[in-house]
Amino acid sequence: MHEFSLIADLFKKVETVVRENDAEYASKITIQLGALAHISPDHLKEHIDQASPGTPIEGAEIEINLTSEEHPQAQEIVLESLEIDK
């Protein structure tokens, strides 16, 4: 269940940035996935794809960069960058 809260938080962050920029959707999302976040990049991508229909994330290109175990955010999913389209 921890992964669902991390993904929900990610969606909220993306939706906030999209809304604050008067945009309709995100075209590319770059995510930093902590090596200790207890989810693989493929599994994270599956969750995002399943949850994105009808959201500003739907159809966005998703890039996931895995951190090392020593990274300070090794247990987190972090929004690294976001490209938006109006």
PDB file of N, CA and C in Angstrom:
ATOM      1  N   MET A   1       0.807  -1.201   0.000  1.00  0.00           N
ATOM      2  CA  MET A   1       0.000   0.000   0.000  1.00  0.00           C
ATOM      3  C   MET A   1       0.848   1.262   0.000  1.00  0.00           C
ATOM      4  N   HIS A   2       2.074   1.162   0.491  1.00  0.00           N
ATOM      5  CA  HIS A   2       2.953   2.319   0.535  1.00  0.00           C
ATOM      6  C   HIS A   2       3.172   2.893  -0.867  1.00  0.00           C
ATOM      7  N   GLU A   3       3.315   2.010  -1.859  1.00  0.00           N
ATOM      8  CA  GLU A   3       3.556   2.472  -3.225  1.00  0.00           C
ATOM      9  C   GLU A   3       2.374   3.272  -3.761  1.00  0.00           C
ATOM     10  N   PHE A   4       1.159   2.924  -3.361  1.00  0.00           N
ATOM     11  CA  PHE A   4      -0.017   3.663  -3.833  1.00  0.00           C
ATOM     12  C   PHE A   4      -0.018   5.091  -3.311  1.00  0.00           C
ATOM     13  N   SER A   5       0.401   5.287  -2.072  1.00  0.00           N
ATOM     14  CA  SER A   5       0.456   6.647  -1.537  1.00  0.00           C
ATOM     15  C   SER A   5       1.552   7.455  -2.219  1.00  0.00           C
ATOM     16  N   LEU A   6       2.677   6.817  -2.557  1.00  0.00           N
ATOM     17  CA  LEU A   6       3.743   7.500  -3.273  1.00  0.00           C
ATOM     18  C   LEU A   6       3.285   7.920  -4.669  1.00  0.00           C
ATOM     19  N   ILE A   7       2.559   7.037  -5.338  1.00  0.00           N
ATOM     20  CA  ILE A   7       2.056   7.341  -6.686  1.00  0.00           C
ATOM     21  C   ILE A   7       0.984   8.423  -6.621  1.00  0.00           C
ATOM     22  N   ALA A   8       0.109   8.350  -5.646  1.00  0.00           N
ATOM     23  CA  ALA A   8      -0.923   9.382  -5.482  1.00  0.00           C
ATOM     24  C   ALA A   8      -0.291  10.741  -5.238  1.00  0.00           C
ATOM     25  N   ASP A   9       0.772  10.776  -4.452  1.00  0.00           N
ATOM     26  CA  ASP A   9       1.482  12.027  -4.192  1.00  0.00           C
ATOM     27  C   ASP A   9       2.119  12.556  -5.478  1.00  0.00           C
ATOM     28  N   LEU A  10       2.684  11.677  -6.270  1.00  0.00           N
ATOM     29  CA  LEU A  10       3.272  12.061  -7.551  1.00  0.00           C
ATOM     30  C   LEU A  10       2.210  12.674  -8.465  1.00  0.00           C
ATOM     31  N   PHE A  11       1.047  12.042  -8.556  1.00  0.00           N
ATOM     32  CA  PHE A  11      -0.043  12.548  -9.386  1.00  0.00           C
ATOM     33  C   PHE A  11      -0.487  13.939  -8.914  1.00  0.00           C
ATOM     34  N   LYS A  12      -0.584  14.124  -7.621  1.00  0.00           N
ATOM     35  CA  LYS A  12      -0.985  15.435  -7.082  1.00  0.00           C
ATOM     36  C   LYS A  12       0.014  16.511  -7.477  1.00  0.00           C
ATOM     37  N   LYS A  13       1.295  16.204  -7.385  1.00  0.00           N
ATOM     38  CA  LYS A  13       2.334  17.168  -7.743  1.00  0.00           C
ATOM     39  C   LYS A  13       2.239  17.536  -9.224  1.00  0.00           C
ATOM     40  N   VAL A  14       2.092  16.539 -10.086  1.00  0.00           N
ATOM     41  CA  VAL A  14       1.991  16.805 -11.517  1.00  0.00           C
ATOM     42  C   VAL A  14       0.750  17.639 -11.816  1.00  0.00           C
ATOM     43  N   GLU A  15      -0.386  17.254 -11.258  1.00  0.00           N
ATOM     44  CA  GLU A  15      -1.626  17.981 -11.503  1.00  0.00           C
ATOM     45  C   GLU A  15      -1.534  19.424 -11.010  1.00  0.00           C
ATOM     46  N   THR A  16      -0.854  19.660  -9.904  1.00  0.00           N
ATOM     47  CA  THR A  16      -0.680  21.016  -9.386  1.00  0.00           C
ATOM     48  C   THR A  16       0.140  21.862 -10.353  1.00  0.00           C
ATOM     49  N   VAL A  17       1.251  21.322 -10.844  1.00  0.00           N
ATOM     50  CA  VAL A  17       2.099  22.063 -11.780  1.00  0.00           C
ATOM     51  C   VAL A  17       1.340  22.355 -13.077  1.00  0.00           C
ATOM     52  N   VAL A  18       0.619  21.378 -13.578  1.00  0.00           N
ATOM     53  CA  VAL A  18      -0.152  21.562 -14.806  1.00  0.00           C
ATOM     54  C   VAL A  18      -1.180  22.671 -14.604  1.00  0.00           C
ATOM     55  N   ARG A  19      -1.917  22.622 -13.526  1.00  0.00           N
ATOM     56  CA  ARG A  19      -2.956  23.621 -13.234  1.00  0.00           C
ATOM     57  C   ARG A  19      -2.353  25.014 -13.033  1.00  0.00           C
ATOM     58  N   GLU A  20      -1.255  25.104 -12.278  1.00  0.00           N
ATOM     59  CA  GLU A  20      -0.622  26.400 -12.018  1.00  0.00           C
ATOM     60  C   GLU A  20      -0.090  27.060 -13.284  1.00  0.00           C
ATOM     61  N   ASN A  21       0.157  26.271 -14.315  1.00  0.00           N
ATOM     62  CA  ASN A  21       0.673  26.797 -15.572  1.00  0.00           C
ATOM     63  C   ASN A  21      -0.413  26.900 -16.648  1.00  0.00           C
ATOM     64  N   ASP A  22      -1.667  26.824 -16.211  1.00  0.00           N
ATOM     65  CA  ASP A  22      -2.808  26.914 -17.129  1.00  0.00           C
ATOM     66  C   ASP A  22      -2.669  25.970 -18.318  1.00  0.00           C
ATOM     67  N   ALA A  23      -2.142  24.801 -18.061  1.00  0.00           N
ATOM     68  CA  ALA A  23      -1.964  23.792 -19.100  1.00  0.00           C
ATOM     69  C   ALA A  23      -3.054  22.734 -18.971  1.00  0.00           C
ATOM     70  N   GLU A  24      -3.114  21.886 -19.973  1.00  0.00           N
ATOM     71  CA  GLU A  24      -4.121  20.819 -19.946  1.00  0.00           C
ATOM     72  C   GLU A  24      -3.535  19.475 -19.548  1.00  0.00           C
ATOM     73  N   TYR A  25      -2.279  19.249 -19.950  1.00  0.00           N
ATOM     74  CA  TYR A  25      -1.687  17.957 -19.627  1.00  0.00           C
ATOM     75  C   TYR A  25      -0.173  18.025 -19.620  1.00  0.00           C
ATOM     76  N   ALA A  26       0.428  16.985 -19.070  1.00  0.00           N
ATOM     77  CA  ALA A  26       1.876  16.833 -19.070  1.00  0.00           C
ATOM     78  C   ALA A  26       2.265  16.026 -20.301  1.00  0.00           C
ATOM     79  N   SER A  27       3.309  16.447 -20.983  1.00  0.00           N
ATOM     80  CA  SER A  27       3.757  15.697 -22.158  1.00  0.00           C
ATOM     81  C   SER A  27       4.910  14.749 -21.820  1.00  0.00           C
ATOM     82  N   LYS A  28       5.696  15.116 -20.814  1.00  0.00           N
ATOM     83  CA  LYS A  28       6.798  14.248 -20.378  1.00  0.00           C
ATOM     84  C   LYS A  28       7.014  14.422 -18.884  1.00  0.00           C
ATOM     85  N   ILE A  29       7.170  13.307 -18.211  1.00  0.00           N
ATOM     86  CA  ILE A  29       7.410  13.301 -16.767  1.00  0.00           C
ATOM     87  C   ILE A  29       8.677  12.492 -16.513  1.00  0.00           C
ATOM     88  N   THR A  30       9.615  13.108 -15.794  1.00  0.00           N
ATOM     89  CA  THR A  30      10.831  12.403 -15.419  1.00  0.00           C
ATOM     90  C   THR A  30      10.781  12.173 -13.913  1.00  0.00           C
ATOM     91  N   ILE A  31      10.936  10.925 -13.540  1.00  0.00           N
ATOM     92  CA  ILE A  31      10.785  10.495 -12.144  1.00  0.00           C
ATOM     93  C   ILE A  31      12.097   9.898 -11.655  1.00  0.00           C
ATOM     94  N   GLN A  32      12.442  10.243 -10.440  1.00  0.00           N
ATOM     95  CA  GLN A  32      13.578   9.628  -9.764  1.00  0.00           C
ATOM     96  C   GLN A  32      13.010   8.567  -8.825  1.00  0.00           C
ATOM     97  N   LEU A  33      13.339   7.327  -9.082  1.00  0.00           N
ATOM     98  CA  LEU A  33      12.835   6.220  -8.272  1.00  0.00           C
ATOM     99  C   LEU A  33      13.946   5.730  -7.358  1.00  0.00           C
ATOM    100  N   GLY A  34      13.700   5.795  -6.067  1.00  0.00           N
ATOM    101  CA  GLY A  34      14.684   5.337  -5.100  1.00  0.00           C
ATOM    102  C   GLY A  34      14.874   3.830  -5.154  1.00  0.00           C
ATOM    103  N   ALA A  35      16.103   3.401  -5.047  1.00  0.00           N
ATOM    104  CA  ALA A  35      16.425   1.973  -5.108  1.00  0.00           C
ATOM    105  C   ALA A  35      15.764   1.185  -3.981  1.00  0.00           C
ATOM    106  N   LEU A  36      15.397   1.866  -2.904  1.00  0.00           N
ATOM    107  CA  LEU A  36      14.759   1.195  -1.765  1.00  0.00           C
ATOM    108  C   LEU A  36      13.271   1.519  -1.659  1.00  0.00           C
ATOM    109  N   ALA A  37      12.661   1.970  -2.738  1.00  0.00           N
ATOM    110  CA  ALA A  37      11.248   2.355  -2.737  1.00  0.00           C
ATOM    111  C   ALA A  37      10.306   1.158  -2.820  1.00  0.00           C
ATOM    112  N   HIS A  38      10.839  -0.041  -2.915  1.00  0.00           N
ATOM    113  CA  HIS A  38      10.052  -1.278  -2.912  1.00  0.00           C
ATOM    114  C   HIS A  38       9.123  -1.399  -4.113  1.00  0.00           C
ATOM    115  N   ILE A  39       9.558  -0.840  -5.249  1.00  0.00           N
ATOM    116  CA  ILE A  39       8.811  -0.989  -6.488  1.00  0.00           C
ATOM    117  C   ILE A  39       9.817  -0.881  -7.632  1.00  0.00           C
ATOM    118  N   SER A  40       9.653  -1.719  -8.634  1.00  0.00           N
ATOM    119  CA  SER A  40      10.564  -1.676  -9.778  1.00  0.00           C
ATOM    120  C   SER A  40      10.110  -0.592 -10.751  1.00  0.00           C
ATOM    121  N   PRO A  41      11.004  -0.129 -11.609  1.00  0.00           N
ATOM    122  CA  PRO A  41      10.599   0.850 -12.609  1.00  0.00           C
ATOM    123  C   PRO A  41       9.441   0.362 -13.487  1.00  0.00           C
ATOM    124  N   ASP A  42       9.470  -0.898 -13.899  1.00  0.00           N
ATOM    125  CA  ASP A  42       8.386  -1.439 -14.736  1.00  0.00           C
ATOM    126  C   ASP A  42       7.062  -1.470 -13.982  1.00  0.00           C
ATOM    127  N   HIS A  43       7.107  -1.860 -12.733  1.00  0.00           N
ATOM    128  CA  HIS A  43       5.887  -1.918 -11.921  1.00  0.00           C
ATOM    129  C   HIS A  43       5.341  -0.509 -11.685  1.00  0.00           C
ATOM    130  N   LEU A  44       6.216   0.444 -11.431  1.00  0.00           N
ATOM    131  CA  LEU A  44       5.795   1.828 -11.259  1.00  0.00           C
ATOM    132  C   LEU A  44       5.122   2.332 -12.529  1.00  0.00           C
ATOM    133  N   LYS A  45       5.720   2.049 -13.677  1.00  0.00           N
ATOM    134  CA  LYS A  45       5.157   2.470 -14.962  1.00  0.00           C
ATOM    135  C   LYS A  45       3.775   1.858 -15.167  1.00  0.00           C
ATOM    136  N   GLU A  46       3.602   0.595 -14.814  1.00  0.00           N
ATOM    137  CA  GLU A  46       2.293  -0.062 -14.926  1.00  0.00           C
ATOM    138  C   GLU A  46       1.249   0.663 -14.077  1.00  0.00           C
ATOM    139  N   HIS A  47       1.606   0.998 -12.844  1.00  0.00           N
ATOM    140  CA  HIS A  47       0.680   1.709 -11.952  1.00  0.00           C
ATOM    141  C   HIS A  47       0.303   3.078 -12.518  1.00  0.00           C
ATOM    142  N   ILE A  48       1.286   3.778 -13.045  1.00  0.00           N
ATOM    143  CA  ILE A  48       1.015   5.088 -13.629  1.00  0.00           C
ATOM    144  C   ILE A  48       0.088   4.946 -14.831  1.00  0.00           C
ATOM    145  N   ASP A  49       0.362   3.986 -15.704  1.00  0.00           N
ATOM    146  CA  ASP A  49      -0.475   3.769 -16.882  1.00  0.00           C
ATOM    147  C   ASP A  49      -1.914   3.417 -16.497  1.00  0.00           C
ATOM    148  N   GLN A  50      -2.078   2.618 -15.451  1.00  0.00           N
ATOM    149  CA  GLN A  50      -3.418   2.217 -15.008  1.00  0.00           C
ATOM    150  C   GLN A  50      -4.189   3.371 -14.380  1.00  0.00           C
ATOM    151  N   ALA A  51      -3.485   4.259 -13.687  1.00  0.00           N
ATOM    152  CA  ALA A  51      -4.143   5.346 -12.962  1.00  0.00           C
ATOM    153  C   ALA A  51      -4.281   6.629 -13.778  1.00  0.00           C
ATOM    154  N   SER A  52      -3.625   6.725 -14.923  1.00  0.00           N
ATOM    155  CA  SER A  52      -3.575   7.993 -15.645  1.00  0.00           C
ATOM    156  C   SER A  52      -4.778   8.347 -16.523  1.00  0.00           C
ATOM    157  N   PRO A  53      -5.587   7.391 -17.008  1.00  0.00           N
ATOM    158  CA  PRO A  53      -6.705   7.787 -17.874  1.00  0.00           C
ATOM    159  C   PRO A  53      -7.607   8.836 -17.212  1.00  0.00           C
ATOM    160  N   GLY A  54      -7.878   9.906 -17.985  1.00  0.00           N
ATOM    161  CA  GLY A  54      -8.719  10.976 -17.485  1.00  0.00           C
ATOM    162  C   GLY A  54      -8.004  12.001 -16.635  1.00  0.00           C
ATOM    163  N   THR A  55      -6.679  11.873 -16.518  1.00  0.00           N
ATOM    164  CA  THR A  55      -5.886  12.825 -15.719  1.00  0.00           C
ATOM    165  C   THR A  55      -4.936  13.569 -16.656  1.00  0.00           C
ATOM    166  N   PRO A  56      -4.321  14.652 -16.175  1.00  0.00           N
ATOM    167  CA  PRO A  56      -3.333  15.365 -16.990  1.00  0.00           C
ATOM    168  C   PRO A  56      -2.092  14.534 -17.325  1.00  0.00           C
ATOM    169  N   ILE A  57      -1.969  13.375 -16.726  1.00  0.00           N
ATOM    170  CA  ILE A  57      -0.811  12.512 -16.965  1.00  0.00           C
ATOM    171  C   ILE A  57      -1.059  11.555 -18.135  1.00  0.00           C
ATOM    172  N   GLU A  58      -2.304  11.370 -18.493  1.00  0.00           N
ATOM    173  CA  GLU A  58      -2.649  10.427 -19.568  1.00  0.00           C
ATOM    174  C   GLU A  58      -1.891  10.768 -20.849  1.00  0.00           C
ATOM    175  N   GLY A  59      -1.188   9.770 -21.396  1.00  0.00           N
ATOM    176  CA  GLY A  59      -0.461   9.932 -22.641  1.00  0.00           C
ATOM    177  C   GLY A  59       0.931  10.535 -22.507  1.00  0.00           C
ATOM    178  N   ALA A  60       1.313  10.917 -21.308  1.00  0.00           N
ATOM    179  CA  ALA A  60       2.639  11.519 -21.110  1.00  0.00           C
ATOM    180  C   ALA A  60       3.738  10.479 -21.277  1.00  0.00           C
ATOM    181  N   GLU A  61       4.848  10.917 -21.818  1.00  0.00           N
ATOM    182  CA  GLU A  61       6.039  10.077 -21.860  1.00  0.00           C
ATOM    183  C   GLU A  61       6.581  10.013 -20.433  1.00  0.00           C
ATOM    184  N   ILE A  62       6.881   8.812 -19.967  1.00  0.00           N
ATOM    185  CA  ILE A  62       7.370   8.621 -18.601  1.00  0.00           C
ATOM    186  C   ILE A  62       8.810   8.133 -18.657  1.00  0.00           C
ATOM    187  N   GLU A  63       9.702   8.878 -18.019  1.00  0.00           N
ATOM    188  CA  GLU A  63      11.099   8.479 -17.903  1.00  0.00           C
ATOM    189  C   GLU A  63      11.376   8.236 -16.427  1.00  0.00           C
ATOM    190  N   ILE A  64      11.923   7.066 -16.114  1.00  0.00           N
ATOM    191  CA  ILE A  64      12.184   6.704 -14.719  1.00  0.00           C
ATOM    192  C   ILE A  64      13.673   6.461 -14.541  1.00  0.00           C
ATOM    193  N   ASN A  65      14.286   7.223 -13.637  1.00  0.00           N
ATOM    194  CA  ASN A  65      15.707   7.087 -13.320  1.00  0.00           C
ATOM    195  C   ASN A  65      15.849   6.480 -11.927  1.00  0.00           C
ATOM    196  N   LEU A  66      16.512   5.358 -11.852  1.00  0.00           N
ATOM    197  CA  LEU A  66      16.700   4.643 -10.586  1.00  0.00           C
ATOM    198  C   LEU A  66      17.932   5.170  -9.858  1.00  0.00           C
ATOM    199  N   THR A  67      17.765   5.487  -8.561  1.00  0.00           N
ATOM    200  CA  THR A  67      18.894   5.962  -7.752  1.00  0.00           C
ATOM    201  C   THR A  67      19.639   4.782  -7.141  1.00  0.00           C
ATOM    202  N   SER A  68      20.754   5.082  -6.533  1.00  0.00           N
ATOM    203  CA  SER A  68      21.508   4.065  -5.808  1.00  0.00           C
ATOM    204  C   SER A  68      20.908   3.892  -4.411  1.00  0.00           C
ATOM    205  N   GLU A  69      21.299   2.834  -3.744  1.00  0.00           N
ATOM    206  CA  GLU A  69      20.829   2.590  -2.379  1.00  0.00           C
ATOM    207  C   GLU A  69      21.362   3.628  -1.402  1.00  0.00           C
ATOM    208  N   GLU A  70      22.469   4.268  -1.729  1.00  0.00           N
ATOM    209  CA  GLU A  70      23.078   5.257  -0.846  1.00  0.00           C
ATOM    210  C   GLU A  70      22.479   6.654  -1.024  1.00  0.00           C
ATOM    211  N   HIS A  71      21.676   6.833  -2.027  1.00  0.00           N
ATOM    212  CA  HIS A  71      21.095   8.149  -2.313  1.00  0.00           C
ATOM    213  C   HIS A  71      20.215   8.596  -1.143  1.00  0.00           C
ATOM    214  N   PRO A  72      20.221   9.893  -0.789  1.00  0.00           N
ATOM    215  CA  PRO A  72      19.418  10.380   0.341  1.00  0.00           C
ATOM    216  C   PRO A  72      17.909  10.135   0.189  1.00  0.00           C
ATOM    217  N   GLN A  73      17.437  10.017  -1.051  1.00  0.00           N
ATOM    218  CA  GLN A  73      16.009   9.779  -1.280  1.00  0.00           C
ATOM    219  C   GLN A  73      15.774   8.363  -1.816  1.00  0.00           C
ATOM    220  N   ALA A  74      16.545   7.426  -1.332  1.00  0.00           N
ATOM    221  CA  ALA A  74      16.508   6.055  -1.842  1.00  0.00           C
ATOM    222  C   ALA A  74      15.194   5.330  -1.574  1.00  0.00           C
ATOM    223  N   GLN A  75      14.344   5.862  -0.699  1.00  0.00           N
ATOM    224  CA  GLN A  75      13.064   5.218  -0.403  1.00  0.00           C
ATOM    225  C   GLN A  75      11.884   5.966  -1.035  1.00  0.00           C
ATOM    226  N   GLU A  76      12.165   6.915  -1.907  1.00  0.00           N
ATOM    227  CA  GLU A  76      11.115   7.789  -2.404  1.00  0.00           C
ATOM    228  C   GLU A  76      10.951   7.737  -3.915  1.00  0.00           C
ATOM    229  N   ILE A  77       9.815   8.248  -4.349  1.00  0.00           N
ATOM    230  CA  ILE A  77       9.542   8.499  -5.754  1.00  0.00           C
ATOM    231  C   ILE A  77       9.474  10.018  -5.869  1.00  0.00           C
ATOM    232  N   VAL A  78      10.380  10.604  -6.658  1.00  0.00           N
ATOM    233  CA  VAL A  78      10.511  12.055  -6.723  1.00  0.00           C
ATOM    234  C   VAL A  78      10.248  12.539  -8.147  1.00  0.00           C
ATOM    235  N   LEU A  79       9.447  13.580  -8.267  1.00  0.00           N
ATOM    236  CA  LEU A  79       9.222  14.216  -9.555  1.00  0.00           C
ATOM    237  C   LEU A  79      10.461  15.043  -9.871  1.00  0.00           C
ATOM    238  N   GLU A  80      11.238  14.622 -10.861  1.00  0.00           N
ATOM    239  CA  GLU A  80      12.474  15.319 -11.228  1.00  0.00           C
ATOM    240  C   GLU A  80      12.189  16.495 -12.153  1.00  0.00           C
ATOM    241  N   SER A  81      11.392  16.239 -13.195  1.00  0.00           N
ATOM    242  CA  SER A  81      11.063  17.302 -14.131  1.00  0.00           C
ATOM    243  C   SER A  81       9.745  16.982 -14.817  1.00  0.00           C
ATOM    244  N   LEU A  82       9.189  18.043 -15.406  1.00  0.00           N
ATOM    245  CA  LEU A  82       7.862  17.905 -16.019  1.00  0.00           C
ATOM    246  C   LEU A  82       7.790  18.855 -17.193  1.00  0.00           C
ATOM    247  N   GLU A  83       7.397  18.335 -18.340  1.00  0.00           N
ATOM    248  CA  GLU A  83       7.125  19.166 -19.505  1.00  0.00           C
ATOM    249  C   GLU A  83       5.618  19.201 -19.680  1.00  0.00           C
ATOM    250  N   ILE A  84       5.092  20.396 -19.949  1.00  0.00           N
ATOM    251  CA  ILE A  84       3.648  20.532 -20.079  1.00  0.00           C
ATOM    252  C   ILE A  84       3.281  21.099 -21.438  1.00  0.00           C
ATOM    253  N   ASP A  85       2.080  20.811 -21.867  1.00  0.00           N
ATOM    254  CA  ASP A  85       1.515  21.367 -23.084  1.00  0.00           C
ATOM    255  C   ASP A  85       0.225  22.065 -22.735  1.00  0.00           C
ATOM    256  N   LYS A  86       0.014  23.197 -23.355  1.00  0.00           N
ATOM    257  CA  LYS A  86      -1.196  23.968 -23.077  1.00  0.00           C
ATOM    258  C   LYS A  86      -2.309  23.617 -24.030  1.00  0.00           C
TER     259      LYS A  86
END
